PDB file of N, CA and C in Angstrom:
ATOM      1  N   MET A   1       0.841  -1.190   0.000  1.00  0.00           N
ATOM      2  CA  MET A   1       0.000   0.000   0.000  1.00  0.00           C
ATOM      3  C   MET A   1       0.880   1.245   0.000  1.00  0.00           C
ATOM      4  N   GLY A   2       0.396   2.280  -0.672  1.00  0.00           N
ATOM      5  CA  GLY A   2       1.108   3.553  -0.702  1.00  0.00           C
ATOM      6  C   GLY A   2       0.960   4.295   0.616  1.00  0.00           C
ATOM      7  N   LYS A   3       1.902   5.161   0.873  1.00  0.00           N
ATOM      8  CA  LYS A   3       1.852   5.969   2.084  1.00  0.00           C
ATOM      9  C   LYS A   3       0.954   7.182   1.859  1.00  0.00           C
ATOM     10  N   ILE A   4       0.294   7.596   2.924  1.00  0.00           N
ATOM     11  CA  ILE A   4      -0.521   8.798   2.857  1.00  0.00           C
ATOM     12  C   ILE A   4       0.418   9.987   2.747  1.00  0.00           C
ATOM     13  N   LYS A   5       0.214  10.809   1.729  1.00  0.00           N
ATOM     14  CA  LYS A   5       1.089  11.950   1.490  1.00  0.00           C
ATOM     15  C   LYS A   5       0.457  13.266   1.903  1.00  0.00           C
ATOM     16  N   GLU A   6      -0.852  13.280   1.962  1.00  0.00           N
ATOM     17  CA  GLU A   6      -1.526  14.533   2.265  1.00  0.00           C
ATOM     18  C   GLU A   6      -2.894  14.237   2.871  1.00  0.00           C
ATOM     19  N   ILE A   7      -3.272  15.036   3.862  1.00  0.00           N
ATOM     20  CA  ILE A   7      -4.597  14.933   4.476  1.00  0.00           C
ATOM     21  C   ILE A   7      -5.235  16.310   4.396  1.00  0.00           C
ATOM     22  N   TRP A   8      -6.436  16.368   3.904  1.00  0.00           N
ATOM     23  CA  TRP A   8      -7.168  17.630   3.824  1.00  0.00           C
ATOM     24  C   TRP A   8      -8.230  17.648   4.916  1.00  0.00           C
ATOM     25  N   CYS A   9      -8.273  18.715   5.681  1.00  0.00           N
ATOM     26  CA  CYS A   9      -9.301  18.902   6.708  1.00  0.00           C
ATOM     27  C   CYS A   9     -10.270  19.964   6.198  1.00  0.00           C
ATOM     28  N   MET A  10     -11.520  19.624   6.134  1.00  0.00           N
ATOM     29  CA  MET A  10     -12.538  20.545   5.653  1.00  0.00           C
ATOM     30  C   MET A  10     -13.458  20.914   6.811  1.00  0.00           C
ATOM     31  N   HIS A  11     -13.542  22.204   7.122  1.00  0.00           N
ATOM     32  CA  HIS A  11     -14.451  22.649   8.173  1.00  0.00           C
ATOM     33  C   HIS A  11     -15.871  22.565   7.631  1.00  0.00           C
ATOM     34  N   HIS A  12     -16.796  22.313   8.517  1.00  0.00           N
ATOM     35  CA  HIS A  12     -18.181  22.167   8.083  1.00  0.00           C
ATOM     36  C   HIS A  12     -19.097  22.448   9.266  1.00  0.00           C
ATOM     37  N   SER A  13     -20.195  23.079   8.988  1.00  0.00           N
ATOM     38  CA  SER A  13     -21.251  23.208   9.984  1.00  0.00           C
ATOM     39  C   SER A  13     -22.567  23.012   9.246  1.00  0.00           C
ATOM     40  N   HIS A  14     -23.617  22.843   9.988  1.00  0.00           N
ATOM     41  CA  HIS A  14     -24.920  22.673   9.367  1.00  0.00           C
ATOM     42  C   HIS A  14     -25.958  23.365  10.229  1.00  0.00           C
ATOM     43  N   LEU A  15     -26.771  24.182   9.615  1.00  0.00           N
ATOM     44  CA  LEU A  15     -27.828  24.892  10.310  1.00  0.00           C
ATOM     45  C   LEU A  15     -29.085  24.038  10.286  1.00  0.00           C
ATOM     46  N   ASP A  16     -29.537  23.623  11.447  1.00  0.00           N
ATOM     47  CA  ASP A  16     -30.724  22.791  11.548  1.00  0.00           C
ATOM     48  C   ASP A  16     -31.598  23.403  12.634  1.00  0.00           C
ATOM     49  N   ILE A  17     -32.454  24.323  12.245  1.00  0.00           N
ATOM     50  CA  ILE A  17     -33.241  25.124  13.176  1.00  0.00           C
ATOM     51  C   ILE A  17     -34.090  24.238  14.082  1.00  0.00           C
ATOM     52  N   GLY A  18     -33.880  24.384  15.386  1.00  0.00           N
ATOM     53  CA  GLY A  18     -34.692  23.686  16.373  1.00  0.00           C
ATOM     54  C   GLY A  18     -34.306  22.244  16.634  1.00  0.00           C
ATOM     55  N   TYR A  19     -33.348  21.714  15.904  1.00  0.00           N
ATOM     56  CA  TYR A  19     -32.985  20.310  16.095  1.00  0.00           C
ATOM     57  C   TYR A  19     -31.904  20.156  17.159  1.00  0.00           C
ATOM     58  N   THR A  20     -30.890  20.984  17.095  1.00  0.00           N
ATOM     59  CA  THR A  20     -29.778  20.846  18.036  1.00  0.00           C
ATOM     60  C   THR A  20     -29.890  21.774  19.232  1.00  0.00           C
ATOM     61  N   HIS A  21     -30.498  22.950  19.048  1.00  0.00           N
ATOM     62  CA  HIS A  21     -30.596  23.948  20.108  1.00  0.00           C
ATOM     63  C   HIS A  21     -31.903  24.727  19.947  1.00  0.00           C
ATOM     64  N   PRO A  22     -32.380  25.340  21.029  1.00  0.00           N
ATOM     65  CA  PRO A  22     -33.533  26.238  20.887  1.00  0.00           C
ATOM     66  C   PRO A  22     -33.158  27.410  19.965  1.00  0.00           C
ATOM     67  N   GLN A  23     -34.136  27.971  19.284  1.00  0.00           N
ATOM     68  CA  GLN A  23     -33.871  28.995  18.277  1.00  0.00           C
ATOM     69  C   GLN A  23     -33.063  30.185  18.799  1.00  0.00           C
ATOM     70  N   PRO A  24     -33.379  30.776  19.958  1.00  0.00           N
ATOM     71  CA  PRO A  24     -32.576  31.924  20.412  1.00  0.00           C
ATOM     72  C   PRO A  24     -31.102  31.559  20.622  1.00  0.00           C
ATOM     73  N   MET A  25     -30.851  30.376  21.159  1.00  0.00           N
ATOM     74  CA  MET A  25     -29.475  29.929  21.364  1.00  0.00           C
ATOM     75  C   MET A  25     -28.795  29.684  20.018  1.00  0.00           C
ATOM     76  N   LEU A  26     -29.541  29.138  19.093  1.00  0.00           N
ATOM     77  CA  LEU A  26     -28.992  28.872  17.770  1.00  0.00           C
ATOM     78  C   LEU A  26     -28.551  30.171  17.082  1.00  0.00           C
ATOM     79  N   LEU A  27     -29.356  31.226  17.216  1.00  0.00           N
ATOM     80  CA  LEU A  27     -28.980  32.510  16.614  1.00  0.00           C
ATOM     81  C   LEU A  27     -27.727  33.077  17.275  1.00  0.00           C
ATOM     82  N   GLU A  28     -27.582  32.887  18.586  1.00  0.00           N
ATOM     83  CA  GLU A  28     -26.353  33.309  19.264  1.00  0.00           C
ATOM     84  C   GLU A  28     -25.155  32.536  18.728  1.00  0.00           C
ATOM     85  N   LEU A  29     -25.311  31.225  18.574  1.00  0.00           N
ATOM     86  CA  LEU A  29     -24.225  30.410  18.034  1.00  0.00           C
ATOM     87  C   LEU A  29     -23.867  30.851  16.618  1.00  0.00           C
ATOM     88  N   GLN A  30     -24.877  31.113  15.794  1.00  0.00           N
ATOM     89  CA  GLN A  30     -24.618  31.547  14.430  1.00  0.00           C
ATOM     90  C   GLN A  30     -23.853  32.875  14.413  1.00  0.00           C
ATOM     91  N   SER A  31     -24.187  33.764  15.331  1.00  0.00           N
ATOM     92  CA  SER A  31     -23.454  35.035  15.439  1.00  0.00           C
ATOM     93  C   SER A  31     -21.991  34.774  15.782  1.00  0.00           C
ATOM     94  N   ASP A  32     -21.766  33.862  16.716  1.00  0.00           N
ATOM     95  CA  ASP A  32     -20.385  33.502  17.066  1.00  0.00           C
ATOM     96  C   ASP A  32     -19.654  32.916  15.864  1.00  0.00           C
ATOM     97  N   TYR A  33     -20.334  32.056  15.098  1.00  0.00           N
ATOM     98  CA  TYR A  33     -19.697  31.441  13.931  1.00  0.00           C
ATOM     99  C   TYR A  33     -19.299  32.501  12.904  1.00  0.00           C
ATOM    100  N   ILE A  34     -20.173  33.480  12.700  1.00  0.00           N
ATOM    101  CA  ILE A  34     -19.863  34.539  11.730  1.00  0.00           C
ATOM    102  C   ILE A  34     -18.619  35.301  12.183  1.00  0.00           C
ATOM    103  N   GLU A  35     -18.562  35.643  13.466  1.00  0.00           N
ATOM    104  CA  GLU A  35     -17.412  36.397  13.962  1.00  0.00           C
ATOM    105  C   GLU A  35     -16.131  35.563  13.945  1.00  0.00           C
ATOM    106  N   GLN A  36     -16.249  34.276  14.220  1.00  0.00           N
ATOM    107  CA  GLN A  36     -15.079  33.400  14.112  1.00  0.00           C
ATOM    108  C   GLN A  36     -14.623  33.293  12.659  1.00  0.00           C
ATOM    109  N   ALA A  37     -15.579  33.227  11.734  1.00  0.00           N
ATOM    110  CA  ALA A  37     -15.233  33.145  10.310  1.00  0.00           C
ATOM    111  C   ALA A  37     -14.504  34.412   9.865  1.00  0.00           C
ATOM    112  N   ILE A  38     -14.964  35.553  10.317  1.00  0.00           N
ATOM    113  CA  ILE A  38     -14.290  36.813   9.984  1.00  0.00           C
ATOM    114  C   ILE A  38     -12.852  36.769  10.487  1.00  0.00           C
ATOM    115  N   ALA A  39     -12.688  36.384  11.739  1.00  0.00           N
ATOM    116  CA  ALA A  39     -11.342  36.333  12.333  1.00  0.00           C
ATOM    117  C   ALA A  39     -10.440  35.356  11.581  1.00  0.00           C
ATOM    118  N   LEU A  40     -10.955  34.177  11.247  1.00  0.00           N
ATOM    119  CA  LEU A  40     -10.142  33.182  10.550  1.00  0.00           C
ATOM    120  C   LEU A  40      -9.801  33.624   9.129  1.00  0.00           C
ATOM    121  N   CYS A  41     -10.739  34.265   8.455  1.00  0.00           N
ATOM    122  CA  CYS A  41     -10.445  34.788   7.108  1.00  0.00           C
ATOM    123  C   CYS A  41      -9.326  35.816   7.177  1.00  0.00           C
ATOM    124  N   GLU A  42      -9.426  36.708   8.139  1.00  0.00           N
ATOM    125  CA  GLU A  42      -8.402  37.745   8.266  1.00  0.00           C
ATOM    126  C   GLU A  42      -7.059  37.166   8.711  1.00  0.00           C
ATOM    127  N   MET A  43      -7.117  36.167   9.576  1.00  0.00           N
ATOM    128  CA  MET A  43      -5.892  35.541  10.081  1.00  0.00           C
ATOM    129  C   MET A  43      -5.121  34.816   8.966  1.00  0.00           C
ATOM    130  N   THR A  44      -5.844  34.336   7.966  1.00  0.00           N
ATOM    131  CA  THR A  44      -5.204  33.543   6.910  1.00  0.00           C
ATOM    132  C   THR A  44      -5.046  34.318   5.601  1.00  0.00           C
ATOM    133  N   LYS A  45      -5.240  35.631   5.631  1.00  0.00           N
ATOM    134  CA  LYS A  45      -5.203  36.439   4.393  1.00  0.00           C
ATOM    135  C   LYS A  45      -3.871  36.369   3.671  1.00  0.00           C
ATOM    136  N   ASP A  46      -2.775  36.125   4.401  1.00  0.00           N
ATOM    137  CA  ASP A  46      -1.456  36.063   3.760  1.00  0.00           C
ATOM    138  C   ASP A  46      -1.034  34.635   3.416  1.00  0.00           C
ATOM    139  N   TYR A  47      -1.910  33.678   3.654  1.00  0.00           N
ATOM    140  CA  TYR A  47      -1.627  32.294   3.281  1.00  0.00           C
ATOM    141  C   TYR A  47      -1.729  32.161   1.765  1.00  0.00           C
ATOM    142  N   PRO A  48      -1.178  31.093   1.210  1.00  0.00           N
ATOM    143  CA  PRO A  48      -1.407  30.841  -0.224  1.00  0.00           C
ATOM    144  C   PRO A  48      -2.920  30.766  -0.485  1.00  0.00           C
ATOM    145  N   GLU A  49      -3.329  31.154  -1.679  1.00  0.00           N
ATOM    146  CA  GLU A  49      -4.753  31.208  -2.040  1.00  0.00           C
ATOM    147  C   GLU A  49      -5.521  29.948  -1.629  1.00  0.00           C
ATOM    148  N   GLU A  50      -4.939  28.796  -1.925  1.00  0.00           N
ATOM    149  CA  GLU A  50      -5.649  27.536  -1.638  1.00  0.00           C
ATOM    150  C   GLU A  50      -5.729  27.217  -0.151  1.00  0.00           C
ATOM    151  N   ALA A  51      -4.982  27.936   0.676  1.00  0.00           N
ATOM    152  CA  ALA A  51      -4.988  27.666   2.118  1.00  0.00           C
ATOM    153  C   ALA A  51      -5.747  28.727   2.908  1.00  0.00           C
ATOM    154  N   GLN A  52      -6.251  29.741   2.235  1.00  0.00           N
ATOM    155  CA  GLN A  52      -6.989  30.789   2.930  1.00  0.00           C
ATOM    156  C   GLN A  52      -8.348  30.267   3.376  1.00  0.00           C
ATOM    157  N   PHE A  53      -8.731  30.658   4.578  1.00  0.00           N
ATOM    158  CA  PHE A  53     -10.009  30.219   5.140  1.00  0.00           C
ATOM    159  C   PHE A  53     -11.158  30.868   4.380  1.00  0.00           C
ATOM    160  N   ARG A  54     -12.184  30.082   4.124  1.00  0.00           N
ATOM    161  CA  ARG A  54     -13.411  30.566   3.496  1.00  0.00           C
ATOM    162  C   ARG A  54     -14.600  30.029   4.280  1.00  0.00           C
ATOM    163  N   TRP A  55     -15.710  30.734   4.203  1.00  0.00           N
ATOM    164  CA  TRP A  55     -16.889  30.320   4.970  1.00  0.00           C
ATOM    165  C   TRP A  55     -18.146  30.630   4.178  1.00  0.00           C
ATOM    166  N   THR A  56     -19.121  29.749   4.269  1.00  0.00           N
ATOM    167  CA  THR A  56     -20.432  29.989   3.681  1.00  0.00           C
ATOM    168  C   THR A  56     -21.452  30.054   4.802  1.00  0.00           C
ATOM    169  N   CYS A  57     -22.137  31.168   4.901  1.00  0.00           N
ATOM    170  CA  CYS A  57     -23.270  31.293   5.823  1.00  0.00           C
ATOM    171  C   CYS A  57     -24.437  30.623   5.108  1.00  0.00           C
ATOM    172  N   GLU A  58     -24.884  29.487   5.620  1.00  0.00           N
ATOM    173  CA  GLU A  58     -25.807  28.675   4.834  1.00  0.00           C
ATOM    174  C   GLU A  58     -27.272  29.053   4.955  1.00  0.00           C
ATOM    175  N   ALA A  59     -27.576  30.134   5.630  1.00  0.00           N
ATOM    176  CA  ALA A  59     -28.933  30.684   5.654  1.00  0.00           C
ATOM    177  C   ALA A  59     -28.813  32.191   5.847  1.00  0.00           C
ATOM    178  N   ALA A  60     -29.682  32.939   5.190  1.00  0.00           N
ATOM    179  CA  ALA A  60     -29.593  34.403   5.220  1.00  0.00           C
ATOM    180  C   ALA A  60     -30.102  35.001   6.533  1.00  0.00           C
ATOM    181  N   TYR A  61     -31.108  34.388   7.140  1.00  0.00           N
ATOM    182  CA  TYR A  61     -31.717  34.984   8.335  1.00  0.00           C
ATOM    183  C   TYR A  61     -30.721  35.207   9.477  1.00  0.00           C
ATOM    184  N   PRO A  62     -29.891  34.233   9.845  1.00  0.00           N
ATOM    185  CA  PRO A  62     -28.921  34.501  10.911  1.00  0.00           C
ATOM    186  C   PRO A  62     -27.960  35.644  10.568  1.00  0.00           C
ATOM    187  N   VAL A  63     -27.631  35.814   9.298  1.00  0.00           N
ATOM    188  CA  VAL A  63     -26.756  36.919   8.885  1.00  0.00           C
ATOM    189  C   VAL A  63     -27.480  38.246   9.066  1.00  0.00           C
ATOM    190  N   ILE A  64     -28.739  38.294   8.655  1.00  0.00           N
ATOM    191  CA  ILE A  64     -29.527  39.522   8.814  1.00  0.00           C
ATOM    192  C   ILE A  64     -29.630  39.885  10.298  1.00  0.00           C
ATOM    193  N   ARG A  65     -29.930  38.895  11.139  1.00  0.00           N
ATOM    194  CA  ARG A  65     -30.020  39.149  12.593  1.00  0.00           C
ATOM    195  C   ARG A  65     -28.683  39.610  13.151  1.00  0.00           C
ATOM    196  N   TRP A  66     -27.591  38.987  12.719  1.00  0.00           N
ATOM    197  CA  TRP A  66     -26.268  39.381  13.192  1.00  0.00           C
ATOM    198  C   TRP A  66     -25.970  40.825  12.789  1.00  0.00           C
ATOM    199  N   MET A  67     -26.291  41.178  11.547  1.00  0.00           N
ATOM    200  CA  MET A  67     -26.006  42.537  11.060  1.00  0.00           C
ATOM    201  C   MET A  67     -26.800  43.595  11.819  1.00  0.00           C
ATOM    202  N   GLU A  68     -27.968  43.238  12.330  1.00  0.00           N
ATOM    203  CA  GLU A  68     -28.765  44.187  13.112  1.00  0.00           C
ATOM    204  C   GLU A  68     -28.090  44.551  14.431  1.00  0.00           C
ATOM    205  N   HIS A  69     -27.241  43.654  14.940  1.00  0.00           N
ATOM    206  CA  HIS A  69     -26.637  43.859  16.263  1.00  0.00           C
ATOM    207  C   HIS A  69     -25.124  44.060  16.225  1.00  0.00           C
ATOM    208  N   ALA A  70     -24.503  43.778  15.109  1.00  0.00           N
ATOM    209  CA  ALA A  70     -23.043  43.893  15.004  1.00  0.00           C
ATOM    210  C   ALA A  70     -22.634  45.358  14.885  1.00  0.00           C
ATOM    211  N   SER A  71     -21.412  45.634  15.283  1.00  0.00           N
ATOM    212  CA  SER A  71     -20.891  47.000  15.165  1.00  0.00           C
ATOM    213  C   SER A  71     -20.662  47.330  13.690  1.00  0.00           C
ATOM    214  N   PRO A  72     -20.674  48.625  13.353  1.00  0.00           N
ATOM    215  CA  PRO A  72     -20.370  49.011  11.969  1.00  0.00           C
ATOM    216  C   PRO A  72     -19.003  48.489  11.518  1.00  0.00           C
ATOM    217  N   GLU A  73     -18.040  48.454  12.421  1.00  0.00           N
ATOM    218  CA  GLU A  73     -16.700  47.947  12.077  1.00  0.00           C
ATOM    219  C   GLU A  73     -16.769  46.462  11.693  1.00  0.00           C
ATOM    220  N   MET A  74     -17.551  45.682  12.456  1.00  0.00           N
ATOM    221  CA  MET A  74     -17.680  44.243  12.146  1.00  0.00           C
ATOM    222  C   MET A  74     -18.421  44.036  10.828  1.00  0.00           C
ATOM    223  N   THR A  75     -19.485  44.804  10.598  1.00  0.00           N
ATOM    224  CA  THR A  75     -20.217  44.617   9.342  1.00  0.00           C
ATOM    225  C   THR A  75     -19.364  45.041   8.146  1.00  0.00           C
ATOM    226  N   ASP A  76     -18.532  46.076   8.320  1.00  0.00           N
ATOM    227  CA  ASP A  76     -17.608  46.467   7.246  1.00  0.00           C
ATOM    228  C   ASP A  76     -16.618  45.350   6.944  1.00  0.00           C
ATOM    229  N   ARG A  77     -16.073  44.745   7.990  1.00  0.00           N
ATOM    230  CA  ARG A  77     -15.123  43.638   7.801  1.00  0.00           C
ATOM    231  C   ARG A  77     -15.804  42.487   7.071  1.00  0.00           C
ATOM    232  N   PHE A  78     -17.026  42.162   7.492  1.00  0.00           N
ATOM    233  CA  PHE A  78     -17.807  41.088   6.872  1.00  0.00           C
ATOM    234  C   PHE A  78     -18.034  41.394   5.391  1.00  0.00           C
ATOM    235  N   GLU A  79     -18.506  42.602   5.101  1.00  0.00           N
ATOM    236  CA  GLU A  79     -18.802  42.982   3.719  1.00  0.00           C
ATOM    237  C   GLU A  79     -17.545  42.953   2.848  1.00  0.00           C
ATOM    238  N   ASN A  80     -16.412  43.354   3.394  1.00  0.00           N
ATOM    239  CA  ASN A  80     -15.157  43.284   2.639  1.00  0.00           C
ATOM    240  C   ASN A  80     -14.821  41.842   2.277  1.00  0.00           C
ATOM    241  N   LEU A  81     -15.004  40.939   3.221  1.00  0.00           N
ATOM    242  CA  LEU A  81     -14.704  39.526   2.966  1.00  0.00           C
ATOM    243  C   LEU A  81     -15.688  38.918   1.962  1.00  0.00           C
ATOM    244  N   VAL A  82     -16.943  39.353   2.013  1.00  0.00           N
ATOM    245  CA  VAL A  82     -17.915  38.905   1.008  1.00  0.00           C
ATOM    246  C   VAL A  82     -17.459  39.390  -0.370  1.00  0.00           C
ATOM    247  N   GLY A  83     -17.026  40.644  -0.442  1.00  0.00           N
ATOM    248  CA  GLY A  83     -16.544  41.204  -1.700  1.00  0.00           C
ATOM    249  C   GLY A  83     -15.328  40.477  -2.253  1.00  0.00           C
ATOM    250  N   GLU A  84     -14.494  39.962  -1.354  1.00  0.00           N
ATOM    251  CA  GLU A  84     -13.310  39.209  -1.765  1.00  0.00           C
ATOM    252  C   GLU A  84     -13.625  37.756  -2.113  1.00  0.00           C
ATOM    253  N   GLY A  85     -14.862  37.328  -1.866  1.00  0.00           N
ATOM    254  CA  GLY A  85     -15.225  35.938  -2.121  1.00  0.00           C
ATOM    255  C   GLY A  85     -14.762  34.982  -1.038  1.00  0.00           C
ATOM    256  N   ARG A  86     -14.389  35.505   0.102  1.00  0.00           N
ATOM    257  CA  ARG A  86     -13.920  34.664   1.203  1.00  0.00           C
ATOM    258  C   ARG A  86     -15.072  34.212   2.096  1.00  0.00           C
ATOM    259  N   ILE A  87     -16.137  35.025   2.148  1.00  0.00           N
ATOM    260  CA  ILE A  87     -17.364  34.648   2.855  1.00  0.00           C
ATOM    261  C   ILE A  87     -18.495  34.761   1.845  1.00  0.00           C
ATOM    262  N   SER A  88     -19.384  33.777   1.861  1.00  0.00           N
ATOM    263  CA  SER A  88     -20.552  33.827   0.978  1.00  0.00           C
ATOM    264  C   SER A  88     -21.806  33.576   1.814  1.00  0.00           C
ATOM    265  N   ILE A  89     -22.933  33.973   1.235  1.00  0.00           N
ATOM    266  CA  ILE A  89     -24.216  33.845   1.926  1.00  0.00           C
ATOM    267  C   ILE A  89     -25.193  33.172   0.971  1.00  0.00           C
ATOM    268  N   THR A  90     -25.898  32.182   1.464  1.00  0.00           N
ATOM    269  CA  THR A  90     -26.907  31.547   0.616  1.00  0.00           C
ATOM    270  C   THR A  90     -28.159  32.418   0.574  1.00  0.00           C
ATOM    271  N   ALA A  91     -28.992  32.202  -0.403  1.00  0.00           N
ATOM    272  CA  ALA A  91     -30.153  33.065  -0.619  1.00  0.00           C
ATOM    273  C   ALA A  91     -31.341  32.719   0.266  1.00  0.00           C
ATOM    274  N   LEU A  92     -31.473  31.469   0.638  1.00  0.00           N
ATOM    275  CA  LEU A  92     -32.659  31.078   1.400  1.00  0.00           C
ATOM    276  C   LEU A  92     -32.571  31.572   2.840  1.00  0.00           C
ATOM    277  N   PRO A  93     -33.684  32.035   3.391  1.00  0.00           N
ATOM    278  CA  PRO A  93     -33.646  32.528   4.767  1.00  0.00           C
ATOM    279  C   PRO A  93     -33.367  31.426   5.789  1.00  0.00           C
ATOM    280  N   MET A  94     -33.951  30.237   5.595  1.00  0.00           N
ATOM    281  CA  MET A  94     -33.804  29.163   6.582  1.00  0.00           C
ATOM    282  C   MET A  94     -33.882  27.776   5.967  1.00  0.00           C
ATOM    283  N   HIS A  95     -33.381  27.564   4.800  1.00  0.00           N
ATOM    284  CA  HIS A  95     -33.466  26.254   4.133  1.00  0.00           C
ATOM    285  C   HIS A  95     -34.904  25.788   3.969  1.00  0.00           C
ATOM    286  N   THR A  96     -35.765  26.699   3.642  1.00  0.00           N
ATOM    287  CA  THR A  96     -37.162  26.300   3.424  1.00  0.00           C
ATOM    288  C   THR A  96     -37.476  26.471   1.944  1.00  0.00           C
ATOM    289  N   THR A  97     -38.543  27.130   1.630  1.00  0.00           N
ATOM    290  CA  THR A  97     -38.936  27.324   0.241  1.00  0.00           C
ATOM    291  C   THR A  97     -38.438  28.673  -0.255  1.00  0.00           C
ATOM    292  N   PRO A  98     -37.829  28.738  -1.422  1.00  0.00           N
ATOM    293  CA  PRO A  98     -37.365  30.032  -1.938  1.00  0.00           C
ATOM    294  C   PRO A  98     -38.511  31.044  -2.009  1.00  0.00           C
ATOM    295  N   GLY A  99     -38.211  32.262  -1.664  1.00  0.00           N
ATOM    296  CA  GLY A  99     -39.202  33.318  -1.763  1.00  0.00           C
ATOM    297  C   GLY A  99     -40.095  33.462  -0.549  1.00  0.00           C
ATOM    298  N   VAL A 100     -39.986  32.574   0.415  1.00  0.00           N
ATOM    299  CA  VAL A 100     -40.805  32.657   1.615  1.00  0.00           C
ATOM    300  C   VAL A 100     -39.988  33.370   2.687  1.00  0.00           C
ATOM    301  N   PHE A 101     -40.164  34.682   2.749  1.00  0.00           N
ATOM    302  CA  PHE A 101     -39.424  35.460   3.730  1.00  0.00           C
ATOM    303  C   PHE A 101     -40.277  36.652   4.132  1.00  0.00           C
ATOM    304  N   ILE A 102     -40.665  36.703   5.369  1.00  0.00           N
ATOM    305  CA  ILE A 102     -41.501  37.775   5.857  1.00  0.00           C
ATOM    306  C   ILE A 102     -40.612  38.791   6.550  1.00  0.00           C
ATOM    307  N   GLN A 103     -40.598  40.003   6.046  1.00  0.00           N
ATOM    308  CA  GLN A 103     -39.778  41.069   6.623  1.00  0.00           C
ATOM    309  C   GLN A 103     -40.459  41.573   7.885  1.00  0.00           C
ATOM    310  N   GLU A 104     -39.701  41.624   8.974  1.00  0.00           N
ATOM    311  CA  GLU A 104     -40.233  42.159  10.230  1.00  0.00           C
ATOM    312  C   GLU A 104     -40.290  43.672  10.139  1.00  0.00           C
ATOM    313  N   GLU A 105     -41.333  44.257  10.715  1.00  0.00           N
ATOM    314  CA  GLU A 105     -41.470  45.717  10.669  1.00  0.00           C
ATOM    315  C   GLU A 105     -41.085  46.316  11.981  1.00  0.00           C
TER     316      GLU A 105
END
């Protein structure tokens, strides 16, 4: 058998509303994940392209909630990373049906 020459570690999370945690706690966790993703993207900015950290926010609603409470400095950092393609956001609010999103007033 050949020797293992390389191991790739892929970070992964999954948003499953109400399955692992109550919704308010889940939104807090998602906020923490976004801020950790920002920090990791910035920490690895000088790494080779293929080694730079990237993150996908897999539902739009937690991002919208985070942006309502985050500082302008944090949202600027987030938006810069989105512009660089280092952070991406999916279109669905909560992995439900496309187009089903009620804006809170």
